[in-house]
Amino acid sequence: MTMDHSLALAILLVAMCRQIESGTEGEDDGSDIDIREALNTSEPLWLFWQSDRNSFPVCSEDYCINETETCIRNVMIDISSEEYYFNQAMLLNGVPYTTGYIGEFNDGKTPPKSMEVREVGDLAEDSGSGLHQLWVLQYLEPGDHRCMVFFIQELEGATEDDLNICEMYIKGKPQPSDPPSGCRTFFKARCNATQIYKPYSTTCKEVVKLTDTTANSGVRA
């Protein structure tokens, strides 16, 4: 049985409240973060740290290969008060790969704090396949908003184990000193990551010059 959007959001909010009660430094104050302020940028959002692996086995019968995702970034196509269209570009085993997504701001909050994310192709087919997630913005760097942390919940076949998935994004060109101290403190205190996975490296700066012309092409029909 799968978990619908409302139930997944409720579970996430309960988990967040428990973490807020712990009084950790850098915690979210809970109500006034507008996810649109984080997403509304023409600059790429680089996936800098994540709590889940970016390398995984893919098997067919008795044969398995290891696939690694690196240089992952989200590129905005369009945004409104209700929806966010974006492409996610990456290197998959060194080969450029791009997927189109739509995020819907439908959590009923003012301002919205989360979005329900699907692959664009899945909207027409409604096949139940492909990515379907809830992204909740839990930290936004004060001032320049150049670092942000999302809690991510799978909405297809979700379990409570998925509650600890965190992704940190850096807006624009990452710096040698990144992540900023506030973002770093929040991620380490709140994401319960036994190991931090880092899909970004300095070589990604060259990749974006070669591939993001494709990544910036529209995903809307």
Protein backbone atom coordinates (compact mmCIF):
# COMPACT_ATOMS: atom_id res chain seq x y z
CA MET A 1 0.00 0.00 0.00
CA THR A 2 1.34 3.42 -0.93
CA MET A 3 1.25 6.53 1.19
CA ASP A 4 -0.70 9.53 -0.13
CA HIS A 5 0.49 13.14 -0.02
CA SER A 6 -1.51 14.17 3.05
CA LEU A 7 -0.40 11.22 5.17
CA ALA A 8 3.24 11.57 4.13
CA LEU A 9 3.18 15.27 4.97
CA ALA A 10 1.59 14.56 8.35
CA ILE A 11 4.29 12.00 9.22
CA LEU A 12 7.01 14.41 8.13
CA LEU A 13 5.60 17.22 10.25
CA VAL A 14 5.43 14.96 13.32
CA ALA A 15 9.06 13.95 12.78
CA MET A 16 10.07 17.58 12.34
CA CYS A 17 8.36 18.58 15.56
CA ARG A 18 10.28 15.89 17.45
CA GLN A 19 13.54 17.22 16.04
CA ILE A 20 12.64 20.83 16.81
CA GLU A 21 11.95 19.85 20.42
CA SER A 22 15.55 18.63 20.67
CA GLY A 23 16.70 22.26 20.49
CA THR A 24 19.57 21.71 18.07
CA GLU A 25 21.52 24.69 16.80
CA GLY A 26 20.49 25.93 13.36
CA GLU A 27 17.00 24.49 13.64
CA ASP A 28 14.14 25.67 11.43
CA ASP A 29 11.71 28.04 13.09
CA GLY A 30 8.90 26.15 11.40
CA SER A 31 6.48 28.47 9.69
CA ASP A 32 7.83 31.36 7.64
CA ILE A 33 10.13 29.73 5.05
CA ASP A 34 8.79 30.26 1.52
CA ILE A 35 9.98 27.45 -0.74
CA ARG A 36 9.46 29.70 -3.78
CA GLU A 37 12.15 32.09 -2.53
CA ALA A 38 14.65 29.23 -2.59
CA LEU A 39 13.64 27.91 -6.00
CA ASN A 40 13.07 31.12 -7.96
CA THR A 41 16.50 31.59 -9.52
CA SER A 42 18.07 31.35 -12.96
CA GLU A 43 21.21 29.89 -11.38
CA PRO A 44 21.63 26.12 -11.06
CA LEU A 45 20.95 24.55 -7.67
CA TRP A 46 23.81 22.11 -7.10
CA LEU A 47 23.19 19.02 -4.98
CA PHE A 48 26.13 19.44 -2.61
CA TRP A 49 25.50 17.01 0.26
CA GLN A 50 23.00 14.18 0.61
CA SER A 51 22.24 11.62 3.30
CA ASP A 52 21.49 8.76 0.88
CA ARG A 53 23.94 7.10 -1.48
CA ASN A 54 24.60 8.52 -4.94
CA SER A 55 26.02 5.17 -6.08
CA PHE A 56 23.92 2.01 -6.32
CA PRO A 57 23.85 -1.41 -8.05
CA VAL A 58 21.55 -2.08 -11.01
CA CYS A 59 21.01 -5.77 -11.67
CA SER A 60 19.56 -7.83 -14.50
CA GLU A 61 19.31 -11.54 -13.71
CA ASP A 62 22.81 -12.52 -12.55
CA TYR A 63 24.58 -9.43 -13.87
CA CYS A 64 25.00 -6.19 -11.90
CA ILE A 65 26.63 -2.88 -12.65
CA ASN A 66 27.27 -0.01 -10.28
CA GLU A 67 25.76 3.33 -11.31
CA THR A 68 27.04 6.60 -9.86
CA GLU A 69 25.28 9.96 -10.09
CA THR A 70 27.52 13.04 -9.93
CA CYS A 71 27.37 16.76 -10.81
CA ILE A 72 23.65 16.84 -10.02
CA ARG A 73 21.91 20.19 -10.39
CA ASN A 74 18.38 21.53 -10.78
CA VAL A 75 17.78 24.14 -13.48
CA MET A 76 14.56 26.19 -13.35
CA ILE A 77 12.40 26.32 -16.46
CA ASP A 78 9.39 28.20 -15.06
CA ILE A 79 7.80 29.05 -11.72
CA SER A 80 4.42 30.40 -10.63
CA SER A 81 2.56 30.72 -7.34
CA GLU A 82 1.37 27.12 -7.75
CA GLU A 83 3.99 25.21 -9.79
CA TYR A 84 7.71 24.89 -10.42
CA TYR A 85 9.05 23.34 -13.62
CA PHE A 86 12.68 22.26 -13.63
CA ASN A 87 15.20 19.95 -15.22
CA GLN A 88 17.56 17.84 -13.14
CA ALA A 89 20.85 17.35 -14.99
CA MET A 90 23.62 15.01 -13.89
CA LEU A 91 26.36 12.69 -14.98
CA LEU A 92 25.34 9.04 -14.80
CA ASN A 93 28.56 7.03 -14.90
CA GLY A 94 30.11 10.04 -16.62
CA VAL A 95 27.38 10.38 -19.26
CA PRO A 96 25.12 13.49 -19.29
CA TYR A 97 21.52 12.72 -18.33
CA THR A 98 18.57 15.11 -17.90
CA THR A 99 15.05 14.56 -16.56
CA GLY A 100 12.15 17.03 -16.44
CA TYR A 101 10.08 17.50 -13.26
CA ILE A 102 7.17 19.52 -11.95
CA GLY A 103 6.79 20.56 -8.32
CA GLU A 104 3.32 21.53 -7.08
CA PHE A 105 2.95 23.85 -4.07
CA ASN A 106 -0.14 22.17 -2.65
CA ASP A 107 0.50 21.88 1.10
CA GLY A 108 -2.15 24.48 2.00
CA LYS A 109 0.37 26.65 3.87
CA THR A 110 0.91 30.40 3.41
CA PRO A 111 3.61 30.77 2.26
CA PRO A 112 4.12 27.24 0.89
CA LYS A 113 6.93 25.26 2.47
CA SER A 114 6.84 22.05 0.43
CA MET A 115 6.19 20.73 -3.06
CA GLU A 116 4.98 17.44 -4.49
CA VAL A 117 7.44 16.42 -7.22
CA ARG A 118 6.77 14.18 -10.22
CA GLU A 119 8.49 13.45 -13.49
CA VAL A 120 6.78 15.49 -16.22
CA GLY A 121 6.08 12.46 -18.41
CA ASP A 122 4.21 10.75 -15.55
CA LEU A 123 1.55 13.47 -15.39
CA ALA A 124 -0.04 12.50 -18.69
CA GLU A 125 0.31 8.74 -18.31
CA ASP A 126 -0.47 8.57 -14.57
CA SER A 127 1.19 5.17 -14.65
CA GLY A 128 2.40 5.16 -11.06
CA SER A 129 5.98 4.74 -12.25
CA GLY A 130 8.81 7.21 -11.97
CA LEU A 131 9.78 9.59 -9.21
CA HIS A 132 7.04 10.83 -6.86
CA GLN A 133 8.29 12.68 -3.79
CA LEU A 134 7.43 15.31 -1.21
CA TRP A 135 10.16 17.95 -0.75
CA VAL A 136 9.93 20.01 2.44
CA LEU A 137 12.22 23.03 2.76
CA GLN A 138 13.67 22.93 6.28
CA TYR A 139 16.57 25.37 6.10
CA LEU A 140 17.27 28.44 3.95
CA GLU A 141 20.51 30.36 4.47
CA PRO A 142 19.66 33.83 5.87
CA GLY A 143 20.35 36.80 3.63
CA ASP A 144 21.57 35.48 0.28
CA HIS A 145 19.53 32.23 0.34
CA ARG A 146 22.40 30.44 -1.42
CA CYS A 147 22.23 27.26 0.65
CA MET A 148 19.14 25.20 1.46
CA VAL A 149 18.25 21.83 2.97
CA PHE A 150 15.24 19.72 2.00
CA PHE A 151 13.70 16.78 3.83
CA ILE A 152 12.51 14.35 1.13
CA GLN A 153 9.77 11.74 1.50
CA GLU A 154 9.02 9.05 -1.07
CA LEU A 155 5.29 9.01 -1.87
CA GLU A 156 5.23 5.61 -3.60
CA GLY A 157 5.80 2.68 -1.25
CA ALA A 158 7.07 5.02 1.46
CA THR A 159 8.17 3.86 4.91
CA GLU A 160 9.19 5.74 8.04
CA ASP A 161 12.82 4.93 7.19
CA ASP A 162 12.54 7.43 4.33
CA LEU A 163 12.11 10.30 6.79
CA ASN A 164 15.84 10.76 7.21
CA ILE A 165 16.52 11.58 3.54
CA CYS A 166 18.11 15.04 3.34
CA GLU A 167 19.54 16.95 0.41
CA MET A 168 21.57 20.17 0.61
CA TYR A 169 21.68 22.46 -2.42
CA ILE A 170 24.02 25.37 -3.19
CA LYS A 171 22.72 28.14 -5.48
CA GLY A 172 25.13 29.18 -8.23
CA LYS A 173 28.83 28.38 -8.29
CA PRO A 174 29.90 26.49 -5.15
CA GLN A 175 32.86 28.01 -3.31
CA PRO A 176 35.85 26.21 -1.72
CA SER A 177 34.53 27.17 1.73
CA ASP A 178 31.05 25.70 1.11
CA PRO A 179 28.77 24.76 2.66
CA PRO A 180 28.12 27.90 4.76
CA SER A 181 28.39 27.30 8.50
CA GLY A 182 24.65 27.59 9.17
CA CYS A 183 23.78 25.10 6.45
CA ARG A 184 26.53 22.74 7.59
CA THR A 185 25.41 22.87 11.23
CA PHE A 186 21.77 22.28 10.33
CA PHE A 187 22.52 19.30 8.08
CA LYS A 188 24.80 17.57 10.57
CA ALA A 189 22.43 18.17 13.50
CA ARG A 190 19.11 17.40 11.86
CA CYS A 191 19.67 14.88 9.08
CA ASN A 192 20.86 11.94 11.19
CA ALA A 193 23.36 11.04 8.48
CA THR A 194 25.87 8.40 9.53
CA GLN A 195 27.75 9.26 6.35
CA ILE A 196 27.55 12.33 4.12
CA TYR A 197 27.61 11.70 0.37
CA LYS A 198 29.04 14.44 -1.84
CA PRO A 199 28.04 14.21 -5.52
CA TYR A 200 29.60 17.61 -6.31
CA SER A 201 33.30 18.07 -7.05
CA THR A 202 35.32 20.92 -8.55
CA THR A 203 35.36 19.14 -11.93
CA CYS A 204 31.61 19.74 -12.18
CA LYS A 205 32.31 23.38 -13.09
CA GLU A 206 33.58 22.22 -16.49
CA VAL A 207 30.67 19.82 -16.96
CA VAL A 208 28.08 22.57 -16.69
CA LYS A 209 29.68 24.51 -19.56
CA LEU A 210 29.26 21.52 -21.85
CA THR A 211 25.85 20.20 -20.84
CA ASP A 212 23.54 22.89 -19.45
CA THR A 213 22.45 24.19 -22.84
CA THR A 214 20.47 20.96 -22.98
CA ALA A 215 19.47 21.17 -19.34
CA ASN A 216 17.95 24.61 -19.88
CA SER A 217 15.68 23.46 -22.71
CA GLY A 218 12.01 23.58 -21.77
CA VAL A 219 10.19 20.62 -20.27
CA ARG A 220 6.68 21.94 -20.88
CA ALA A 221 4.73 20.68 -23.87
